[in-house]
Amino acid sequence: MAVQYLLIGVGVLALVWIITPFGDEALAALTVVSRLELLTSALFLTCPAR
């Protein structure tokens, strides 16, 4: 489980490293998209199965 979290963290760092040269707007867009992804995944994970 710890390895999975480590790989996710390294992936996020790599993504930020790739996006950084595109400027502040690109980093802001990445932040918005990641928060929307978190929100939608939380909604789907908490919905009861039918």
C-alpha atoms as a PDB file:
ATOM      1  CA  MET A   1       0.000   0.000   0.000  1.00  0.00           C
ATOM      2  CA  ALA A   2       2.833   2.397   0.808  1.00  0.00           C
ATOM      3  CA  VAL A   3       4.417   1.754  -2.582  1.00  0.00           C
ATOM      4  CA  GLN A   4       1.164   2.722  -4.285  1.00  0.00           C
ATOM      5  CA  TYR A   5       1.056   6.057  -2.439  1.00  0.00           C
ATOM      6  CA  LEU A   6       4.710   6.629  -3.259  1.00  0.00           C
ATOM      7  CA  LEU A   7       4.089   6.049  -6.962  1.00  0.00           C
ATOM      8  CA  ILE A   8       1.087   8.379  -6.936  1.00  0.00           C
ATOM      9  CA  GLY A   9       3.183  11.096  -5.310  1.00  0.00           C
ATOM     10  CA  VAL A  10       5.996  10.655  -7.817  1.00  0.00           C
ATOM     11  CA  GLY A  11       3.449  10.798 -10.644  1.00  0.00           C
ATOM     12  CA  VAL A  12       1.983  14.046  -9.337  1.00  0.00           C
ATOM     13  CA  LEU A  13       5.453  15.554  -9.011  1.00  0.00           C
ATOM     14  CA  ALA A  14       6.299  14.520 -12.580  1.00  0.00           C
ATOM     15  CA  LEU A  15       3.043  16.011 -13.883  1.00  0.00           C
ATOM     16  CA  VAL A  16       3.674  19.318 -12.101  1.00  0.00           C
ATOM     17  CA  TRP A  17       7.253  19.331 -13.416  1.00  0.00           C
ATOM     18  CA  ILE A  18       5.940  18.887 -16.973  1.00  0.00           C
ATOM     19  CA  ILE A  19       3.209  21.554 -16.609  1.00  0.00           C
ATOM     20  CA  THR A  20       5.362  24.198 -14.850  1.00  0.00           C
ATOM     21  CA  PRO A  21       6.982  25.654 -18.021  1.00  0.00           C
ATOM     22  CA  PHE A  22       3.509  26.498 -19.381  1.00  0.00           C
ATOM     23  CA  GLY A  23       2.943  29.123 -16.677  1.00  0.00           C
ATOM     24  CA  ASP A  24       0.707  29.920 -13.760  1.00  0.00           C
ATOM     25  CA  GLU A  25      -2.519  29.506 -15.726  1.00  0.00           C
ATOM     26  CA  ALA A  26      -1.629  25.930 -16.615  1.00  0.00           C
ATOM     27  CA  LEU A  27      -0.837  25.118 -12.979  1.00  0.00           C
ATOM     28  CA  ALA A  28      -4.129  26.688 -11.899  1.00  0.00           C
ATOM     29  CA  ALA A  29      -5.987  24.616 -14.497  1.00  0.00           C
ATOM     30  CA  LEU A  30      -4.248  21.470 -13.278  1.00  0.00           C
ATOM     31  CA  THR A  31      -5.314  22.281  -9.720  1.00  0.00           C
ATOM     32  CA  VAL A  32      -8.942  22.830 -10.765  1.00  0.00           C
ATOM     33  CA  VAL A  33      -9.049  19.603 -12.759  1.00  0.00           C
ATOM     34  CA  SER A  34      -7.479  17.572  -9.954  1.00  0.00           C
ATOM     35  CA  ARG A  35     -10.006  18.920  -7.444  1.00  0.00           C
ATOM     36  CA  LEU A  36     -12.905  18.173  -9.792  1.00  0.00           C
ATOM     37  CA  GLU A  37     -11.550  14.662 -10.257  1.00  0.00           C
ATOM     38  CA  LEU A  38     -11.348  14.217  -6.484  1.00  0.00           C
ATOM     39  CA  LEU A  39     -14.908  15.482  -6.048  1.00  0.00           C
ATOM     40  CA  THR A  40     -16.382  13.231  -8.730  1.00  0.00           C
ATOM     41  CA  SER A  41     -14.503  10.175  -7.510  1.00  0.00           C
ATOM     42  CA  ALA A  42     -15.690  10.844  -3.959  1.00  0.00           C
ATOM     43  CA  LEU A  43     -19.277  11.070  -5.205  1.00  0.00           C
ATOM     44  CA  PHE A  44     -19.041   7.764  -7.047  1.00  0.00           C
ATOM     45  CA  LEU A  45     -17.280   5.993  -4.193  1.00  0.00           C
ATOM     46  CA  THR A  46     -19.835   7.083  -1.592  1.00  0.00           C
ATOM     47  CA  CYS A  47     -22.949   6.250  -3.627  1.00  0.00           C
ATOM     48  CA  PRO A  48     -24.652   3.099  -2.417  1.00  0.00           C
ATOM     49  CA  ALA A  49     -24.692   0.182  -4.841  1.00  0.00           C
ATOM     50  CA  ARG A  50     -28.025  -0.560  -6.442  1.00  0.00           C
END
